[in-house]
Amino acid sequence: MDIKELYSFYKCHPEITTDSRNCPEGSIFIALKGETFDGNKFAAKALEQGCSLAVVDDKEIYDQFIASESNAGQMVLVDNTLQTFKDLAREHRRQFDIPVVGITGTNGKTTTKELVLAVLSQKYNVMATEGNFNNDVGVPKTLFRLATEHEIAVVEMGASHPGDIKTLVETAEPTCGLITNVGKAHLQGFGSLEGVIRTKGELYDYLSMHPGSQIFVNADNNYLTGILPAGVGTLKYTSNATEGARVVGEIVACDPFLRFRWCDKSVTDEQWHEVTTHLIGSYNIDNALAAITVGLNFDVDPEQICAAIEGYTPSNNRSQLTDTEHNHLIVDAYNANPTSMKAALDNFTMMQVSPKMAILGEMRELGTSSSEEHRQVVSRLGECGFDEVWLVGNEFAAIDCPYRKFADVEEVKAAIEAERPEGYYILIKGSNGTRLFQLPPIL
């Protein structure tokens, strides 16, 4: 069964599952594999539970099923189930002649995606990535959500190894794209910052090969402007008054929420629009300006754009300000890398509040650069003047410094329970694996 045939079957049974514990009647089960599981082993069970078709890539399991003469649905053998999953999702995406906005970047891609969704939803019915479904399984799952009522799609794409973005854009086939920034993240997989730039730039490479594509780019980012391909429509935005940008923005205040103003330089009667956000961090101005630029490209009214950004409230431990009974928390514990850690520390340093406490978890997947990057964080802390600093994880434990150290989040919890810090503004920042997101309920 080739992809065209499989898609014809999908149109009659338009539901995909990759989890044998969730098998809606008539759905198609695709037997994906991971480091600790093999969906092939559960394909027959999925058919017994109601799936109409199981797609496998284990010939032995397929042969056993065929020999069993089971009447529980059909089983199809393919070379690679993950590739089939992506190919089928691409075939589904091709049924929709709508703009597809591809978003990637080291930091800020999920916030930017959410802001773009908020802005475009003022005028269009938008399908967008939910949560962080941005990898080679999440992107196909996102594409399968496309339906006839959707007018624009916004697809977030993540990467941790060279070639990841190339694979994802060849699945999602975006018509326009945005790289938020590039920085030091997943260095264990990329090898270097140059590897990060090349991989994120695979979005530009794809768009450059498709006439009529559009790129939205931060004119202040030399890494990104330096790899812009020729012959592709480009809209730029800037928070530093860089020449040639359509959208110009400037920060009004961060007290603690970001307040900024912006104008569209492409119109003759330039008007400045002021926006008060629910975003913590001056670095979020770039994410907001990116969303504004995308909105203007799709003819969303400036007043609607402002209303959308003002109405957006971050979630999922990304730059959230949370007031508890005892403290004011700035929770940015979804992920951390050297670039985002520096931005968070710089922003917290600038905030005119007191007293300040930072609880920082180690940064993961930095490879051979890890020790040096953590030493740089400790060095930066020496310039911040925070009243209290707690460091969590093995990488910080190896550094000689005056700050309190904890092996893991459980030790931090015990210290909080014993000491009950009160009256602080507390920055909580660390890689997701350090699980610092567990701290807000007890602070």
Protein backbone atom coordinates (compact mmCIF):
# COMPACT_ATOMS: atom_id res chain seq x y z
CA MET A 1 0.00 0.00 0.00
CA ASP A 2 1.62 3.26 -1.14
CA ILE A 3 0.97 6.68 0.40
CA LYS A 4 -1.80 7.54 -2.05
CA GLU A 5 -3.61 4.31 -1.24
CA LEU A 6 -3.01 4.76 2.48
CA TYR A 7 -4.37 8.29 2.32
CA SER A 8 -7.48 7.06 0.50
CA PHE A 9 -7.98 4.64 3.38
CA TYR A 10 -7.37 7.51 5.85
CA LYS A 11 -10.14 9.57 4.22
CA CYS A 12 -12.57 6.79 5.09
CA HIS A 13 -11.07 6.37 8.57
CA PRO A 14 -9.82 9.88 9.42
CA GLU A 15 -8.25 9.24 12.79
CA ILE A 16 -4.65 8.28 13.54
CA THR A 17 -3.39 6.78 16.77
CA THR A 18 0.14 5.87 17.83
CA ASP A 19 -0.92 4.64 21.28
CA SER A 20 -2.34 1.13 21.61
CA ARG A 21 -4.02 2.25 24.83
CA ASN A 22 -6.15 4.69 22.85
CA CYS A 23 -7.70 3.00 19.84
CA PRO A 24 -10.92 4.68 18.68
CA GLU A 25 -13.15 2.47 16.59
CA GLY A 26 -12.06 2.48 12.95
CA SER A 27 -8.84 4.44 13.54
CA ILE A 28 -5.45 3.74 11.96
CA PHE A 29 -2.69 2.56 14.27
CA ILE A 30 0.87 3.48 13.27
CA ALA A 31 3.49 1.46 15.14
CA LEU A 32 6.16 3.98 16.04
CA LYS A 33 9.33 3.03 17.89
CA GLY A 34 11.35 4.82 20.56
CA GLU A 35 14.28 4.18 22.83
CA THR A 36 12.16 2.25 25.32
CA PHE A 37 9.18 1.00 23.30
CA ASP A 38 8.27 -0.70 20.02
CA GLY A 39 4.76 -0.09 18.74
CA ASN A 40 5.03 -3.11 16.44
CA LYS A 41 4.58 -5.35 19.47
CA PHE A 42 1.16 -3.81 20.13
CA ALA A 43 -0.18 -3.68 16.57
CA ALA A 44 -2.31 -6.82 16.83
CA LYS A 45 -3.70 -5.61 20.15
CA ALA A 46 -4.61 -2.25 18.55
CA LEU A 47 -6.59 -4.07 15.88
CA GLU A 48 -8.37 -6.15 18.50
CA GLN A 49 -9.32 -2.95 20.34
CA GLY A 50 -11.01 -1.41 17.33
CA CYS A 51 -8.45 -0.04 14.89
CA SER A 52 -9.27 -0.74 11.26
CA LEU A 53 -5.65 -0.76 10.08
CA ALA A 54 -2.22 -1.21 11.67
CA VAL A 55 0.92 0.02 9.93
CA VAL A 56 4.07 -1.86 11.01
CA ASP A 57 7.70 -2.16 9.92
CA ASP A 58 8.56 -5.44 11.65
CA LYS A 59 8.30 -8.24 9.05
CA GLU A 60 8.27 -11.00 11.65
CA ILE A 61 5.28 -9.50 13.44
CA TYR A 62 3.57 -8.88 10.10
CA ASP A 63 4.14 -12.48 8.97
CA GLN A 64 2.82 -13.80 12.27
CA PHE A 65 -0.34 -11.74 11.92
CA ILE A 66 -0.94 -12.85 8.33
CA ALA A 67 -0.38 -16.49 9.30
CA SER A 68 -2.86 -16.19 12.16
CA GLU A 69 -5.75 -15.49 9.77
CA SER A 70 -7.06 -12.92 12.22
CA ASN A 71 -10.23 -11.09 11.26
CA ALA A 72 -9.39 -8.11 13.47
CA GLY A 73 -8.73 -5.49 10.82
CA GLN A 74 -5.82 -5.23 8.41
CA MET A 75 -2.07 -4.97 8.85
CA VAL A 76 0.26 -3.25 6.38
CA LEU A 77 4.05 -3.68 6.24
CA VAL A 78 6.19 -0.64 5.37
CA ASP A 79 9.91 0.05 5.38
CA ASN A 80 9.78 2.66 8.15
CA THR A 81 6.67 3.54 10.15
CA LEU A 82 7.91 6.97 11.22
CA GLN A 83 8.63 7.95 7.62
CA THR A 84 5.22 6.64 6.59
CA PHE A 85 3.65 8.68 9.39
CA LYS A 86 5.36 11.83 8.10
CA ASP A 87 4.58 11.07 4.46
CA LEU A 88 0.91 10.52 5.28
CA ALA A 89 0.79 13.78 7.23
CA ARG A 90 2.36 15.61 4.29
CA GLU A 91 -0.21 14.11 1.94
CA HIS A 92 -2.94 15.41 4.25
CA ARG A 93 -1.32 18.86 4.40
CA ARG A 94 -1.31 18.98 0.58
CA GLN A 95 -5.09 18.82 0.53
CA PHE A 96 -5.19 22.40 1.87
CA ASP A 97 -4.20 25.36 -0.28
CA ILE A 98 -3.66 27.72 2.66
CA PRO A 99 -0.72 29.66 4.08
CA VAL A 100 1.42 27.64 6.49
CA VAL A 101 3.65 29.65 8.82
CA GLY A 102 6.69 27.66 9.99
CA ILE A 103 8.31 28.84 13.23
CA THR A 104 11.60 27.67 14.73
CA GLY A 105 14.43 29.14 16.82
CA THR A 106 16.57 28.50 19.87
CA ASN A 107 14.47 30.56 22.29
CA GLY A 108 11.00 32.03 22.19
CA LYS A 109 9.50 29.86 19.47
CA THR A 110 6.55 28.67 21.54
CA THR A 111 5.77 32.15 22.88
CA THR A 112 6.08 33.56 19.37
CA LYS A 113 3.84 30.81 18.01
CA GLU A 114 1.23 31.61 20.65
CA LEU A 115 1.41 35.34 19.88
CA VAL A 116 1.15 34.71 16.12
CA LEU A 117 -1.86 32.48 16.78
CA ALA A 118 -3.48 35.17 18.92
CA VAL A 119 -2.90 37.85 16.27
CA LEU A 120 -4.01 35.83 13.24
CA SER A 121 -7.07 34.53 15.10
CA GLN A 122 -8.41 38.08 15.14
CA LYS A 123 -9.23 37.63 11.46
CA TYR A 124 -8.82 33.96 10.49
CA ASN A 125 -9.67 30.45 11.60
CA VAL A 126 -6.19 29.25 12.56
CA MET A 127 -4.85 25.77 13.24
CA ALA A 128 -1.67 25.90 15.35
CA THR A 129 0.69 23.57 17.14
CA GLU A 130 -0.59 22.70 20.58
CA GLY A 131 1.85 22.69 23.48
CA ASN A 132 5.31 21.70 22.31
CA PHE A 133 4.32 19.17 19.64
CA ASN A 134 7.21 20.36 17.51
CA ASN A 135 9.30 17.27 16.72
CA ASP A 136 9.13 14.55 14.04
CA VAL A 137 6.14 12.97 15.77
CA GLY A 138 4.46 16.16 17.02
CA VAL A 139 4.53 17.97 13.66
CA PRO A 140 2.69 15.18 11.79
CA LYS A 141 0.14 14.97 14.62
CA THR A 142 -0.37 18.73 14.24
CA LEU A 143 -0.87 18.49 10.49
CA PHE A 144 -3.52 15.78 10.88
CA ARG A 145 -5.60 18.37 12.77
CA LEU A 146 -6.01 20.44 9.59
CA ALA A 147 -9.65 20.63 8.54
CA THR A 148 -11.66 22.39 5.86
CA GLU A 149 -12.57 25.30 8.14
CA HIS A 150 -8.95 26.34 8.67
CA GLU A 151 -7.67 29.34 6.74
CA ILE A 152 -4.07 29.49 8.05
CA ALA A 153 -1.81 27.03 9.85
CA VAL A 154 0.98 27.91 12.29
CA VAL A 155 3.45 25.08 12.81
CA GLU A 156 6.20 25.16 15.42
CA MET A 157 9.35 23.14 14.66
CA GLY A 158 12.07 22.19 17.14
CA ALA A 159 15.49 20.69 16.57
CA SER A 160 18.27 19.07 18.56
CA HIS A 161 20.38 17.59 15.76
CA PRO A 162 21.54 18.65 12.28
CA GLY A 163 18.92 17.91 9.64
CA ASP A 164 15.96 18.03 12.06
CA ILE A 165 14.45 21.19 10.56
CA LYS A 166 15.00 19.93 7.01
CA THR A 167 12.95 16.85 7.86
CA LEU A 168 10.17 18.88 9.47
CA VAL A 169 9.82 21.47 6.70
CA GLU A 170 9.68 18.70 4.12
CA THR A 171 6.72 17.33 6.08
CA ALA A 172 4.90 20.59 6.86
CA GLU A 173 5.79 22.38 3.60
CA PRO A 174 5.50 25.94 4.98
CA THR A 175 4.74 28.84 2.65
CA CYS A 176 6.38 31.37 4.96
CA GLY A 177 8.67 31.16 7.94
CA LEU A 178 10.24 32.73 10.98
CA ILE A 179 13.38 31.90 12.96
CA THR A 180 13.09 33.66 16.31
CA ASN A 181 16.84 33.58 17.05
CA VAL A 182 19.81 31.22 17.30
CA GLY A 183 21.79 30.52 20.44
CA LYS A 184 23.68 27.95 22.47
CA ALA A 185 21.24 25.10 23.01
CA HIS A 186 21.45 21.34 22.39
CA LEU A 187 25.18 21.76 21.72
CA GLN A 188 25.59 18.08 22.54
CA GLY A 189 23.59 17.33 19.39
CA PHE A 190 24.63 20.26 17.18
CA GLY A 191 28.31 20.34 18.15
CA SER A 192 28.63 24.12 17.96
CA LEU A 193 26.75 27.40 17.56
CA GLU A 194 27.54 27.19 13.85
CA GLY A 195 25.72 23.85 13.79
CA VAL A 196 22.69 25.48 15.40
CA ILE A 197 22.69 28.26 12.79
CA ARG A 198 22.98 25.82 9.89
CA THR A 199 20.14 23.66 11.21
CA LYS A 200 17.74 26.51 11.94
CA GLY A 201 18.67 27.93 8.52
CA GLU A 202 17.23 24.81 6.90
CA LEU A 203 13.89 26.62 7.11
CA TYR A 204 15.30 29.41 4.94
CA ASP A 205 16.81 26.83 2.58
CA TYR A 206 13.41 25.25 2.03
CA LEU A 207 11.62 28.56 1.47
CA SER A 208 14.30 29.70 -0.98
CA MET A 209 13.43 26.77 -3.24
CA HIS A 210 9.73 27.58 -3.38
CA PRO A 211 8.64 30.69 -5.35
CA GLY A 212 6.27 33.03 -3.55
CA SER A 213 7.59 32.17 -0.09
CA GLN A 214 7.93 34.80 2.62
CA ILE A 215 10.46 35.18 5.45
CA PHE A 216 9.92 37.25 8.60
CA VAL A 217 13.25 38.18 10.20
CA ASN A 218 14.63 40.18 13.10
CA ALA A 219 16.75 42.85 11.41
CA ASP A 220 18.83 43.19 14.60
CA ASN A 221 20.03 39.59 14.46
CA ASN A 222 23.20 39.39 12.39
CA TYR A 223 23.23 35.59 12.46
CA LEU A 224 19.84 35.49 10.74
CA THR A 225 20.26 38.37 8.32
CA GLY A 226 23.62 36.86 7.37
CA ILE A 227 22.00 33.66 6.06
CA LEU A 228 18.99 35.21 4.33
CA PRO A 229 18.63 33.65 0.88
CA ALA A 230 18.35 35.78 -2.24
CA GLY A 231 15.10 35.92 -4.14
CA VAL A 232 12.74 35.34 -1.22
CA GLY A 233 10.28 37.96 -0.03
CA THR A 234 11.46 39.32 3.32
CA LEU A 235 9.73 41.39 5.98
CA LYS A 236 11.94 42.69 8.79
CA TYR A 237 11.24 43.94 12.29
CA THR A 238 13.51 45.74 14.75
CA SER A 239 13.65 46.92 18.34
CA ASN A 240 16.85 48.89 17.68
CA ALA A 241 15.67 51.14 14.83
CA THR A 242 17.66 49.11 12.29
CA GLU A 243 17.21 50.46 8.75
CA GLY A 244 15.03 48.59 6.29
CA ALA A 245 12.58 47.12 8.80
CA ARG A 246 8.86 47.35 8.22
CA VAL A 247 7.97 47.11 11.91
CA VAL A 248 9.85 49.24 14.44
CA GLY A 249 9.33 48.82 18.16
CA GLU A 250 10.78 50.22 21.36
CA ILE A 251 10.41 49.32 25.00
CA VAL A 252 8.46 51.75 27.18
CA ALA A 253 8.82 49.89 30.48
CA CYS A 254 9.24 46.51 32.19
CA ASP A 255 7.58 47.03 35.55
CA PRO A 256 7.46 44.02 35.66
CA PHE A 257 5.34 43.41 32.56
CA LEU A 258 6.68 44.42 29.18
CA ARG A 259 5.16 47.61 27.79
CA PHE A 260 6.24 48.73 24.32
CA ARG A 261 5.19 50.75 21.32
CA TRP A 262 5.45 50.00 17.63
CA CYS A 263 4.72 51.42 14.19
CA ASP A 264 4.36 50.19 10.64
CA LYS A 265 6.93 51.98 8.48
CA SER A 266 5.25 50.87 5.25
CA VAL A 267 2.33 53.28 5.62
CA THR A 268 2.47 56.99 4.89
CA ASP A 269 0.60 58.07 8.02
CA GLU A 270 2.85 56.34 10.56
CA GLN A 271 1.12 55.81 13.88
CA TRP A 272 2.67 54.54 17.08
CA HIS A 273 0.67 51.92 18.97
CA GLU A 274 1.36 51.26 22.66
CA VAL A 275 0.87 47.75 24.03
CA THR A 276 0.82 46.57 27.65
CA THR A 277 1.51 42.84 27.76
CA HIS A 278 1.35 40.06 30.34
CA LEU A 279 4.90 39.06 29.38
CA ILE A 280 7.86 39.20 31.75
CA GLY A 281 11.19 40.12 30.19
CA SER A 282 12.39 42.80 27.82
CA TYR A 283 13.55 40.03 25.44
CA ASN A 284 9.88 39.32 24.67
CA ILE A 285 9.66 42.47 22.57
CA ASP A 286 11.24 40.53 19.69
CA ASN A 287 8.60 37.79 20.00
CA ALA A 288 5.83 40.39 19.99
CA LEU A 289 7.27 42.29 17.02
CA ALA A 290 7.53 39.03 15.09
CA ALA A 291 3.82 38.39 15.67
CA ILE A 292 2.98 41.95 14.65
CA THR A 293 4.94 41.54 11.41
CA VAL A 294 3.17 38.29 10.56
CA GLY A 295 -0.17 39.90 11.36
CA LEU A 296 0.47 42.88 9.10
CA ASN A 297 1.55 40.56 6.29
CA PHE A 298 -1.87 38.91 6.50
CA ASP A 299 -3.71 42.25 6.73
CA VAL A 300 -4.78 42.05 10.35
CA ASP A 301 -5.85 45.49 11.58
CA PRO A 302 -3.27 47.19 13.88
CA GLU A 303 -5.85 47.70 16.62
CA GLN A 304 -6.76 44.03 16.49
CA ILE A 305 -3.06 43.14 16.66
CA CYS A 306 -2.63 45.23 19.80
CA ALA A 307 -5.71 43.71 21.41
CA ALA A 308 -4.46 40.18 20.67
CA ILE A 309 -1.05 40.76 22.22
CA GLU A 310 -2.49 42.53 25.25
CA GLY A 311 -4.90 39.64 25.78
CA TYR A 312 -2.26 36.92 25.62
CA THR A 313 -1.24 35.38 28.95
CA PRO A 314 1.78 33.03 28.97
CA SER A 315 1.47 29.55 30.43
CA ASN A 316 3.40 26.31 30.81
CA ASN A 317 6.16 27.81 32.98
CA ARG A 318 7.32 30.31 30.36
CA SER A 319 8.04 33.76 31.79
CA GLN A 320 5.03 33.61 34.09
CA LEU A 321 4.59 36.03 36.98
CA THR A 322 2.81 34.27 39.81
CA ASP A 323 1.91 35.84 43.13
CA THR A 324 1.65 33.34 45.97
CA GLU A 325 0.68 33.94 49.58
CA HIS A 326 4.32 34.45 50.50
CA ASN A 327 6.32 35.52 47.38
CA HIS A 328 6.27 36.87 43.84
CA LEU A 329 7.52 34.24 41.40
CA ILE A 330 8.95 34.65 37.91
CA VAL A 331 8.65 31.09 36.62
CA ASP A 332 10.72 30.29 33.54
CA ALA A 333 11.36 26.63 34.25
CA TYR A 334 10.26 25.03 30.99
CA ASN A 335 13.79 25.04 29.57
CA ALA A 336 17.18 26.71 29.84
CA ASN A 337 20.29 27.22 27.75
CA PRO A 338 23.11 29.79 27.96
CA THR A 339 21.28 32.31 25.78
CA SER A 340 17.96 32.16 27.61
CA MET A 341 19.66 32.00 31.02
CA LYS A 342 21.59 35.20 30.32
CA ALA A 343 18.43 36.93 29.10
CA ALA A 344 16.53 35.87 32.23
CA LEU A 345 19.30 37.03 34.57
CA ASP A 346 19.70 40.34 32.75
CA ASN A 347 15.98 41.02 32.92
CA PHE A 348 15.72 40.07 36.59
CA THR A 349 18.67 42.33 37.35
CA MET A 350 16.93 45.28 35.71
CA MET A 351 13.68 44.80 37.61
CA GLN A 352 13.30 47.49 40.27
CA VAL A 353 12.10 45.17 43.02
CA SER A 354 13.50 43.88 46.29
CA PRO A 355 14.53 41.53 47.81
CA LYS A 356 15.53 39.21 44.98
CA MET A 357 16.16 35.49 45.04
CA ALA A 358 17.22 33.24 42.15
CA ILE A 359 16.75 29.47 42.07
CA LEU A 360 18.64 28.23 39.03
CA GLY A 361 18.74 24.68 37.69
CA GLU A 362 21.52 23.33 35.53
CA MET A 363 21.35 23.57 31.74
CA ARG A 364 21.20 20.21 29.95
CA GLU A 365 22.53 18.90 26.60
CA LEU A 366 25.49 21.28 26.30
CA GLY A 367 28.09 18.57 25.66
CA THR A 368 31.74 19.50 26.17
CA SER A 369 30.78 23.17 26.62
CA SER A 370 28.67 22.46 29.68
CA SER A 371 31.23 23.16 32.42
CA GLU A 372 32.36 26.44 30.90
CA GLU A 373 28.81 27.63 30.24
CA HIS A 374 27.83 26.99 33.87
CA ARG A 375 30.94 28.82 35.08
CA GLN A 376 29.88 31.80 32.99
CA VAL A 377 26.45 31.76 34.64
CA VAL A 378 28.09 31.80 38.07
CA SER A 379 30.34 34.64 36.97
CA ARG A 380 27.33 36.62 35.74
CA LEU A 381 25.59 36.04 39.08
CA GLY A 382 28.47 37.84 40.77
CA GLU A 383 27.45 41.00 38.90
CA CYS A 384 23.70 40.71 39.57
CA GLY A 385 23.63 41.53 43.29
CA PHE A 386 20.75 39.20 44.15
CA ASP A 387 19.99 38.81 47.84
CA GLU A 388 19.83 35.02 47.70
CA VAL A 389 20.97 32.46 45.09
CA TRP A 390 20.31 28.71 45.10
CA LEU A 391 21.94 26.52 42.43
CA VAL A 392 20.60 23.08 41.53
CA GLY A 393 22.37 20.17 39.84
CA ASN A 394 25.74 18.50 39.34
CA GLU A 395 27.15 21.06 36.91
CA PHE A 396 26.82 23.86 39.46
CA ALA A 397 28.05 21.59 42.27
CA ALA A 398 31.50 21.38 40.66
CA ILE A 399 32.01 25.17 40.67
CA ASP A 400 33.67 26.97 43.59
CA CYS A 401 31.31 29.83 44.46
CA PRO A 402 29.58 31.38 47.50
CA TYR A 403 26.07 30.31 46.54
CA ARG A 404 23.99 27.56 48.11
CA LYS A 405 23.96 24.33 46.14
CA PHE A 406 21.44 21.51 45.93
CA ALA A 407 21.74 18.13 44.27
CA ASP A 408 18.18 18.11 42.94
CA VAL A 409 14.72 19.61 43.27
CA GLU A 410 13.89 17.36 46.23
CA GLU A 411 16.65 18.97 48.29
CA VAL A 412 15.32 22.40 47.30
CA LYS A 413 11.83 21.42 48.39
CA ALA A 414 13.16 20.30 51.76
CA ALA A 415 14.97 23.62 52.24
CA ILE A 416 11.84 25.59 51.32
CA GLU A 417 9.73 23.57 53.75
CA ALA A 418 12.28 24.13 56.54
CA GLU A 419 13.07 27.81 55.96
CA ARG A 420 9.92 29.23 54.38
CA PRO A 421 11.40 32.15 52.38
CA GLU A 422 8.94 35.03 52.42
CA GLY A 423 8.59 38.44 50.80
CA TYR A 424 10.95 37.69 47.89
CA TYR A 425 10.76 38.19 44.18
CA ILE A 426 12.03 34.79 43.04
CA LEU A 427 13.34 33.87 39.59
CA ILE A 428 12.97 30.14 38.90
CA LYS A 429 14.93 29.11 35.83
CA GLY A 430 16.35 25.78 34.67
CA SER A 431 16.16 22.99 32.13
CA ASN A 432 12.94 21.02 32.23
CA GLY A 433 14.81 17.95 33.46
CA THR A 434 15.68 19.66 36.74
CA ARG A 435 11.93 19.78 37.46
CA LEU A 436 12.01 23.21 39.10
CA PHE A 437 8.44 23.65 37.86
CA GLN A 438 7.48 21.69 40.97
CA LEU A 439 8.49 24.57 43.24
CA PRO A 440 5.77 27.26 42.77
CA PRO A 441 3.06 25.42 44.76
CA ILE A 442 5.25 25.39 47.91
CA LEU A 443 6.68 28.90 47.57
